[in-house]
Amino acid sequence: MRDQKERVETIESTMKNEFRHALAVNLITQEQHDNYLQELNELTSYIYEKYKDDPSFYPDDWDKINYYYEKIVAL
């Protein structure tokens, strides 16, 4: 789980930096920025909570994670 946690933390940090940059260059509004951060926090919390005892990812979990990232990539 430690490796997965580090990967999730790296992805979370990278996404937050991307959101800040997008906001700074006016690609997104403050409201969009806040919404994306909230969704990222919910996804990260979901991952940590669900996998704190069992590090296995299941197909429906990957669907949820992929859905979030597809929304972000659509920026």
PDB file of N, CA and C in Angstrom:
ATOM      1  N   MET A   1       0.825  -1.194   0.000  1.00  0.00           N
ATOM      2  CA  MET A   1       0.000   0.000   0.000  1.00  0.00           C
ATOM      3  C   MET A   1       0.868   1.256   0.000  1.00  0.00           C
ATOM      4  N   ARG A   2       2.043   1.182   0.548  1.00  0.00           N
ATOM      5  CA  ARG A   2       2.907   2.367   0.621  1.00  0.00           C
ATOM      6  C   ARG A   2       3.215   2.915  -0.768  1.00  0.00           C
ATOM      7  N   ASP A   3       3.554   2.029  -1.714  1.00  0.00           N
ATOM      8  CA  ASP A   3       3.835   2.475  -3.076  1.00  0.00           C
ATOM      9  C   ASP A   3       2.611   3.106  -3.715  1.00  0.00           C
ATOM     10  N   GLN A   4       1.444   2.489  -3.496  1.00  0.00           N
ATOM     11  CA  GLN A   4       0.221   3.050  -4.057  1.00  0.00           C
ATOM     12  C   GLN A   4      -0.072   4.407  -3.427  1.00  0.00           C
ATOM     13  N   LYS A   5       0.123   4.514  -2.128  1.00  0.00           N
ATOM     14  CA  LYS A   5      -0.131   5.791  -1.457  1.00  0.00           C
ATOM     15  C   LYS A   5       0.789   6.873  -1.999  1.00  0.00           C
ATOM     16  N   GLU A   6       2.051   6.543  -2.207  1.00  0.00           N
ATOM     17  CA  GLU A   6       2.985   7.522  -2.771  1.00  0.00           C
ATOM     18  C   GLU A   6       2.581   7.924  -4.176  1.00  0.00           C
ATOM     19  N   ARG A   7       2.113   6.965  -4.974  1.00  0.00           N
ATOM     20  CA  ARG A   7       1.653   7.283  -6.334  1.00  0.00           C
ATOM     21  C   ARG A   7       0.436   8.193  -6.300  1.00  0.00           C
ATOM     22  N   VAL A   8      -0.499   7.896  -5.409  1.00  0.00           N
ATOM     23  CA  VAL A   8      -1.696   8.728  -5.294  1.00  0.00           C
ATOM     24  C   VAL A   8      -1.311  10.143  -4.850  1.00  0.00           C
ATOM     25  N   GLU A   9      -0.392  10.246  -3.893  1.00  0.00           N
ATOM     26  CA  GLU A   9       0.060  11.563  -3.428  1.00  0.00           C
ATOM     27  C   GLU A   9       0.745  12.341  -4.550  1.00  0.00           C
ATOM     28  N   THR A  10       1.538  11.663  -5.358  1.00  0.00           N
ATOM     29  CA  THR A  10       2.211  12.311  -6.481  1.00  0.00           C
ATOM     30  C   THR A  10       1.194  12.804  -7.510  1.00  0.00           C
ATOM     31  N   ILE A  11       0.229  11.959  -7.819  1.00  0.00           N
ATOM     32  CA  ILE A  11      -0.815  12.354  -8.779  1.00  0.00           C
ATOM     33  C   ILE A  11      -1.617  13.523  -8.223  1.00  0.00           C
ATOM     34  N   GLU A  12      -1.975  13.457  -6.957  1.00  0.00           N
ATOM     35  CA  GLU A  12      -2.751  14.526  -6.335  1.00  0.00           C
ATOM     36  C   GLU A  12      -1.977  15.846  -6.374  1.00  0.00           C
ATOM     37  N   SER A  13      -0.718  15.811  -6.039  1.00  0.00           N
ATOM     38  CA  SER A  13       0.116  17.015  -6.060  1.00  0.00           C
ATOM     39  C   SER A  13       0.237  17.580  -7.473  1.00  0.00           C
ATOM     40  N   THR A  14       0.452  16.708  -8.432  1.00  0.00           N
ATOM     41  CA  THR A  14       0.569  17.138  -9.826  1.00  0.00           C
ATOM     42  C   THR A  14      -0.731  17.783 -10.302  1.00  0.00           C
ATOM     43  N   MET A  15      -1.853  17.150  -9.974  1.00  0.00           N
ATOM     44  CA  MET A  15      -3.151  17.697 -10.395  1.00  0.00           C
ATOM     45  C   MET A  15      -3.401  19.059  -9.756  1.00  0.00           C
ATOM     46  N   LYS A  16      -3.088  19.216  -8.489  1.00  0.00           N
ATOM     47  CA  LYS A  16      -3.281  20.504  -7.822  1.00  0.00           C
ATOM     48  C   LYS A  16      -2.433  21.584  -8.485  1.00  0.00           C
ATOM     49  N   ASN A  17      -1.196  21.249  -8.848  1.00  0.00           N
ATOM     50  CA  ASN A  17      -0.337  22.212  -9.539  1.00  0.00           C
ATOM     51  C   ASN A  17      -0.914  22.577 -10.904  1.00  0.00           C
ATOM     52  N   GLU A  18      -1.432  21.593 -11.612  1.00  0.00           N
ATOM     53  CA  GLU A  18      -2.042  21.853 -12.919  1.00  0.00           C
ATOM     54  C   GLU A  18      -3.266  22.764 -12.772  1.00  0.00           C
ATOM     55  N   PHE A  19      -4.076  22.527 -11.749  1.00  0.00           N
ATOM     56  CA  PHE A  19      -5.250  23.370 -11.520  1.00  0.00           C
ATOM     57  C   PHE A  19      -4.834  24.812 -11.216  1.00  0.00           C
ATOM     58  N   ARG A  20      -3.808  24.967 -10.372  1.00  0.00           N
ATOM     59  CA  ARG A  20      -3.326  26.309 -10.051  1.00  0.00           C
ATOM     60  C   ARG A  20      -2.830  27.027 -11.300  1.00  0.00           C
ATOM     61  N   HIS A  21      -2.099  26.310 -12.125  1.00  0.00           N
ATOM     62  CA  HIS A  21      -1.587  26.901 -13.365  1.00  0.00           C
ATOM     63  C   HIS A  21      -2.740  27.269 -14.304  1.00  0.00           C
ATOM     64  N   ALA A  22      -3.690  26.365 -14.464  1.00  0.00           N
ATOM     65  CA  ALA A  22      -4.846  26.644 -15.331  1.00  0.00           C
ATOM     66  C   ALA A  22      -5.610  27.868 -14.844  1.00  0.00           C
ATOM     67  N   LEU A  23      -5.741  28.014 -13.548  1.00  0.00           N
ATOM     68  CA  LEU A  23      -6.411  29.182 -12.986  1.00  0.00           C
ATOM     69  C   LEU A  23      -5.586  30.441 -13.225  1.00  0.00           C
ATOM     70  N   ALA A  24      -4.281  30.345 -13.042  1.00  0.00           N
ATOM     71  CA  ALA A  24      -3.397  31.506 -13.193  1.00  0.00           C
ATOM     72  C   ALA A  24      -3.391  32.046 -14.623  1.00  0.00           C
ATOM     73  N   VAL A  25      -3.534  31.178 -15.601  1.00  0.00           N
ATOM     74  CA  VAL A  25      -3.527  31.632 -17.000  1.00  0.00           C
ATOM     75  C   VAL A  25      -4.941  31.717 -17.576  1.00  0.00           C
ATOM     76  N   ASN A  26      -5.914  31.728 -16.690  1.00  0.00           N
ATOM     77  CA  ASN A  26      -7.322  31.930 -17.050  1.00  0.00           C
ATOM     78  C   ASN A  26      -7.907  30.858 -17.970  1.00  0.00           C
ATOM     79  N   LEU A  27      -7.450  29.627 -17.817  1.00  0.00           N
ATOM     80  CA  LEU A  27      -8.057  28.532 -18.566  1.00  0.00           C
ATOM     81  C   LEU A  27      -9.307  28.016 -17.866  1.00  0.00           C
ATOM     82  N   ILE A  28      -9.360  28.205 -16.555  1.00  0.00           N
ATOM     83  CA  ILE A  28     -10.532  27.824 -15.781  1.00  0.00           C
ATOM     84  C   ILE A  28     -10.875  28.965 -14.832  1.00  0.00           C
ATOM     85  N   THR A  29     -12.116  28.969 -14.372  1.00  0.00           N
ATOM     86  CA  THR A  29     -12.561  29.981 -13.418  1.00  0.00           C
ATOM     87  C   THR A  29     -12.245  29.520 -11.997  1.00  0.00           C
ATOM     88  N   GLN A  30     -12.356  30.437 -11.063  1.00  0.00           N
ATOM     89  CA  GLN A  30     -12.141  30.087  -9.654  1.00  0.00           C
ATOM     90  C   GLN A  30     -13.133  29.020  -9.225  1.00  0.00           C
ATOM     91  N   GLU A  31     -14.368  29.118  -9.685  1.00  0.00           N
ATOM     92  CA  GLU A  31     -15.386  28.127  -9.327  1.00  0.00           C
ATOM     93  C   GLU A  31     -15.018  26.742  -9.873  1.00  0.00           C
ATOM     94  N   GLN A  32     -14.562  26.680 -11.121  1.00  0.00           N
ATOM     95  CA  GLN A  32     -14.131  25.404 -11.687  1.00  0.00           C
ATOM     96  C   GLN A  32     -12.940  24.846 -10.901  1.00  0.00           C
ATOM     97  N   HIS A  33     -11.994  25.707 -10.592  1.00  0.00           N
ATOM     98  CA  HIS A  33     -10.815  25.314  -9.811  1.00  0.00           C
ATOM     99  C   HIS A  33     -11.249  24.683  -8.491  1.00  0.00           C
ATOM    100  N   ASP A  34     -12.135  25.359  -7.781  1.00  0.00           N
ATOM    101  CA  ASP A  34     -12.604  24.851  -6.494  1.00  0.00           C
ATOM    102  C   ASP A  34     -13.343  23.520  -6.646  1.00  0.00           C
ATOM    103  N   ASN A  35     -14.166  23.422  -7.694  1.00  0.00           N
ATOM    104  CA  ASN A  35     -14.904  22.176  -7.937  1.00  0.00           C
ATOM    105  C   ASN A  35     -13.966  21.017  -8.248  1.00  0.00           C
ATOM    106  N   TYR A  36     -12.960  21.266  -9.071  1.00  0.00           N
ATOM    107  CA  TYR A  36     -11.991  20.219  -9.405  1.00  0.00           C
ATOM    108  C   TYR A  36     -11.220  19.767  -8.172  1.00  0.00           C
ATOM    109  N   LEU A  37     -10.825  20.726  -7.337  1.00  0.00           N
ATOM    110  CA  LEU A  37     -10.106  20.360  -6.115  1.00  0.00           C
ATOM    111  C   LEU A  37     -10.988  19.546  -5.179  1.00  0.00           C
ATOM    112  N   GLN A  38     -12.261  19.927  -5.086  1.00  0.00           N
ATOM    113  CA  GLN A  38     -13.194  19.185  -4.237  1.00  0.00           C
ATOM    114  C   GLN A  38     -13.350  17.749  -4.746  1.00  0.00           C
ATOM    115  N   GLU A  39     -13.521  17.598  -6.063  1.00  0.00           N
ATOM    116  CA  GLU A  39     -13.665  16.263  -6.630  1.00  0.00           C
ATOM    117  C   GLU A  39     -12.384  15.448  -6.454  1.00  0.00           C
ATOM    118  N   LEU A  40     -11.237  16.090  -6.618  1.00  0.00           N
ATOM    119  CA  LEU A  40      -9.959  15.408  -6.417  1.00  0.00           C
ATOM    120  C   LEU A  40      -9.833  14.937  -4.968  1.00  0.00           C
ATOM    121  N   ASN A  41     -10.228  15.781  -4.038  1.00  0.00           N
ATOM    122  CA  ASN A  41     -10.189  15.412  -2.626  1.00  0.00           C
ATOM    123  C   ASN A  41     -11.119  14.231  -2.348  1.00  0.00           C
ATOM    124  N   GLU A  42     -12.308  14.250  -2.936  1.00  0.00           N
ATOM    125  CA  GLU A  42     -13.247  13.148  -2.736  1.00  0.00           C
ATOM    126  C   GLU A  42     -12.695  11.851  -3.314  1.00  0.00           C
ATOM    127  N   LEU A  43     -12.092  11.928  -4.493  1.00  0.00           N
ATOM    128  CA  LEU A  43     -11.519  10.738  -5.107  1.00  0.00           C
ATOM    129  C   LEU A  43     -10.361  10.200  -4.280  1.00  0.00           C
ATOM    130  N   THR A  44      -9.489  11.080  -3.835  1.00  0.00           N
ATOM    131  CA  THR A  44      -8.348  10.666  -3.021  1.00  0.00           C
ATOM    132  C   THR A  44      -8.820  10.044  -1.709  1.00  0.00           C
ATOM    133  N   SER A  45      -9.791  10.654  -1.070  1.00  0.00           N
ATOM    134  CA  SER A  45     -10.344  10.110   0.176  1.00  0.00           C
ATOM    135  C   SER A  45     -10.954   8.731  -0.060  1.00  0.00           C
ATOM    136  N   TYR A  46     -11.669   8.607  -1.162  1.00  0.00           N
ATOM    137  CA  TYR A  46     -12.282   7.327  -1.534  1.00  0.00           C
ATOM    138  C   TYR A  46     -11.206   6.252  -1.671  1.00  0.00           C
ATOM    139  N   ILE A  47     -10.130   6.574  -2.376  1.00  0.00           N
ATOM    140  CA  ILE A  47      -9.048   5.616  -2.587  1.00  0.00           C
ATOM    141  C   ILE A  47      -8.417   5.225  -1.262  1.00  0.00           C
ATOM    142  N   TYR A  48      -8.080   6.201  -0.434  1.00  0.00           N
ATOM    143  CA  TYR A  48      -7.435   5.897   0.848  1.00  0.00           C
ATOM    144  C   TYR A  48      -8.335   5.076   1.759  1.00  0.00           C
ATOM    145  N   GLU A  49      -9.592   5.450   1.836  1.00  0.00           N
ATOM    146  CA  GLU A  49     -10.511   4.753   2.724  1.00  0.00           C
ATOM    147  C   GLU A  49     -10.762   3.317   2.263  1.00  0.00           C
ATOM    148  N   LYS A  50     -11.007   3.161   0.988  1.00  0.00           N
ATOM    149  CA  LYS A  50     -11.346   1.839   0.471  1.00  0.00           C
ATOM    150  C   LYS A  50     -10.161   0.883   0.526  1.00  0.00           C
ATOM    151  N   TYR A  51      -8.964   1.403   0.348  1.00  0.00           N
ATOM    152  CA  TYR A  51      -7.804   0.529   0.214  1.00  0.00           C
ATOM    153  C   TYR A  51      -6.852   0.553   1.394  1.00  0.00           C
ATOM    154  N   LYS A  52      -7.294   1.088   2.511  1.00  0.00           N
ATOM    155  CA  LYS A  52      -6.392   1.113   3.668  1.00  0.00           C
ATOM    156  C   LYS A  52      -6.125  -0.293   4.195  1.00  0.00           C
ATOM    157  N   ASP A  53      -7.076  -1.205   4.027  1.00  0.00           N
ATOM    158  CA  ASP A  53      -6.891  -2.573   4.499  1.00  0.00           C
ATOM    159  C   ASP A  53      -6.630  -3.566   3.373  1.00  0.00           C
ATOM    160  N   ASP A  54      -7.109  -3.247   2.171  1.00  0.00           N
ATOM    161  CA  ASP A  54      -6.977  -4.156   1.026  1.00  0.00           C
ATOM    162  C   ASP A  54      -6.528  -3.356  -0.185  1.00  0.00           C
ATOM    163  N   PRO A  55      -5.286  -3.538  -0.613  1.00  0.00           N
ATOM    164  CA  PRO A  55      -4.755  -2.715  -1.709  1.00  0.00           C
ATOM    165  C   PRO A  55      -5.220  -3.131  -3.104  1.00  0.00           C
ATOM    166  N   SER A  56      -6.258  -3.945  -3.205  1.00  0.00           N
ATOM    167  CA  SER A  56      -6.732  -4.395  -4.514  1.00  0.00           C
ATOM    168  C   SER A  56      -7.704  -3.392  -5.116  1.00  0.00           C
ATOM    169  N   PHE A  57      -7.519  -3.123  -6.389  1.00  0.00           N
ATOM    170  CA  PHE A  57      -8.451  -2.276  -7.118  1.00  0.00           C
ATOM    171  C   PHE A  57      -9.353  -3.180  -7.951  1.00  0.00           C
ATOM    172  N   TYR A  58     -10.636  -2.851  -7.992  1.00  0.00           N
ATOM    173  CA  TYR A  58     -11.612  -3.641  -8.735  1.00  0.00           C
ATOM    174  C   TYR A  58     -12.108  -2.842  -9.929  1.00  0.00           C
ATOM    175  N   PRO A  59     -12.717  -3.506 -10.918  1.00  0.00           N
ATOM    176  CA  PRO A  59     -13.134  -2.800 -12.139  1.00  0.00           C
ATOM    177  C   PRO A  59     -14.008  -1.564 -11.896  1.00  0.00           C
ATOM    178  N   ASP A  60     -14.961  -1.646 -10.981  1.00  0.00           N
ATOM    179  CA  ASP A  60     -15.810  -0.481 -10.732  1.00  0.00           C
ATOM    180  C   ASP A  60     -15.017   0.669 -10.111  1.00  0.00           C
ATOM    181  N   ASP A  61     -13.970   0.341  -9.359  1.00  0.00           N
ATOM    182  CA  ASP A  61     -13.108   1.383  -8.785  1.00  0.00           C
ATOM    183  C   ASP A  61     -12.315   2.079  -9.892  1.00  0.00           C
ATOM    184  N   TRP A  62     -11.776   1.291 -10.806  1.00  0.00           N
ATOM    185  CA  TRP A  62     -11.045   1.885 -11.932  1.00  0.00           C
ATOM    186  C   TRP A  62     -11.969   2.754 -12.772  1.00  0.00           C
ATOM    187  N   ASP A  63     -13.240   2.332 -12.932  1.00  0.00           N
ATOM    188  CA  ASP A  63     -14.199   3.144 -13.682  1.00  0.00           C
ATOM    189  C   ASP A  63     -14.377   4.504 -13.023  1.00  0.00           C
ATOM    190  N   LYS A  64     -14.497   4.522 -11.710  1.00  0.00           N
ATOM    191  CA  LYS A  64     -14.666   5.781 -10.983  1.00  0.00           C
ATOM    192  C   LYS A  64     -13.431   6.672 -11.136  1.00  0.00           C
ATOM    193  N   ILE A  65     -12.260   6.079 -11.005  1.00  0.00           N
ATOM    194  CA  ILE A  65     -11.015   6.840 -11.134  1.00  0.00           C
ATOM    195  C   ILE A  65     -10.856   7.359 -12.562  1.00  0.00           C
ATOM    196  N   ASN A  66     -11.092   6.504 -13.546  1.00  0.00           N
ATOM    197  CA  ASN A  66     -10.965   6.913 -14.941  1.00  0.00           C
ATOM    198  C   ASN A  66     -11.963   7.999 -15.312  1.00  0.00           C
ATOM    199  N   TYR A  67     -13.184   7.904 -14.797  1.00  0.00           N
ATOM    200  CA  TYR A  67     -14.191   8.929 -15.069  1.00  0.00           C
ATOM    201  C   TYR A  67     -13.706  10.296 -14.594  1.00  0.00           C
ATOM    202  N   TYR A  68     -13.136  10.336 -13.404  1.00  0.00           N
ATOM    203  CA  TYR A  68     -12.636  11.604 -12.870  1.00  0.00           C
ATOM    204  C   TYR A  68     -11.541  12.167 -13.771  1.00  0.00           C
ATOM    205  N   TYR A  69     -10.560  11.344 -14.122  1.00  0.00           N
ATOM    206  CA  TYR A  69      -9.440  11.836 -14.926  1.00  0.00           C
ATOM    207  C   TYR A  69      -9.871  12.225 -16.337  1.00  0.00           C
ATOM    208  N   GLU A  70     -10.871  11.543 -16.900  1.00  0.00           N
ATOM    209  CA  GLU A  70     -11.382  11.937 -18.214  1.00  0.00           C
ATOM    210  C   GLU A  70     -12.013  13.323 -18.149  1.00  0.00           C
ATOM    211  N   LYS A  71     -12.706  13.622 -17.051  1.00  0.00           N
ATOM    212  CA  LYS A  71     -13.286  14.950 -16.875  1.00  0.00           C
ATOM    213  C   LYS A  71     -12.190  16.013 -16.824  1.00  0.00           C
ATOM    214  N   ILE A  72     -11.104  15.712 -16.138  1.00  0.00           N
ATOM    215  CA  ILE A  72     -10.015  16.666 -15.996  1.00  0.00           C
ATOM    216  C   ILE A  72      -9.283  16.844 -17.311  1.00  0.00           C
ATOM    217  N   VAL A  73      -9.023  15.762 -18.015  1.00  0.00           N
ATOM    218  CA  VAL A  73      -8.323  15.845 -19.297  1.00  0.00           C
ATOM    219  C   VAL A  73      -9.136  16.648 -20.303  1.00  0.00           C
ATOM    220  N   ALA A  74     -10.433  16.661 -20.141  1.00  0.00           N
ATOM    221  CA  ALA A  74     -11.299  17.405 -21.057  1.00  0.00           C
ATOM    222  C   ALA A  74     -11.080  18.917 -20.946  1.00  0.00           C
ATOM    223  N   LEU A  75     -10.355  19.360 -19.946  1.00  0.00           N
ATOM    224  CA  LEU A  75     -10.024  20.789 -19.833  1.00  0.00           C
ATOM    225  C   LEU A  75      -9.352  21.237 -21.093  1.00  0.00           C
TER     226      LEU A  75
END
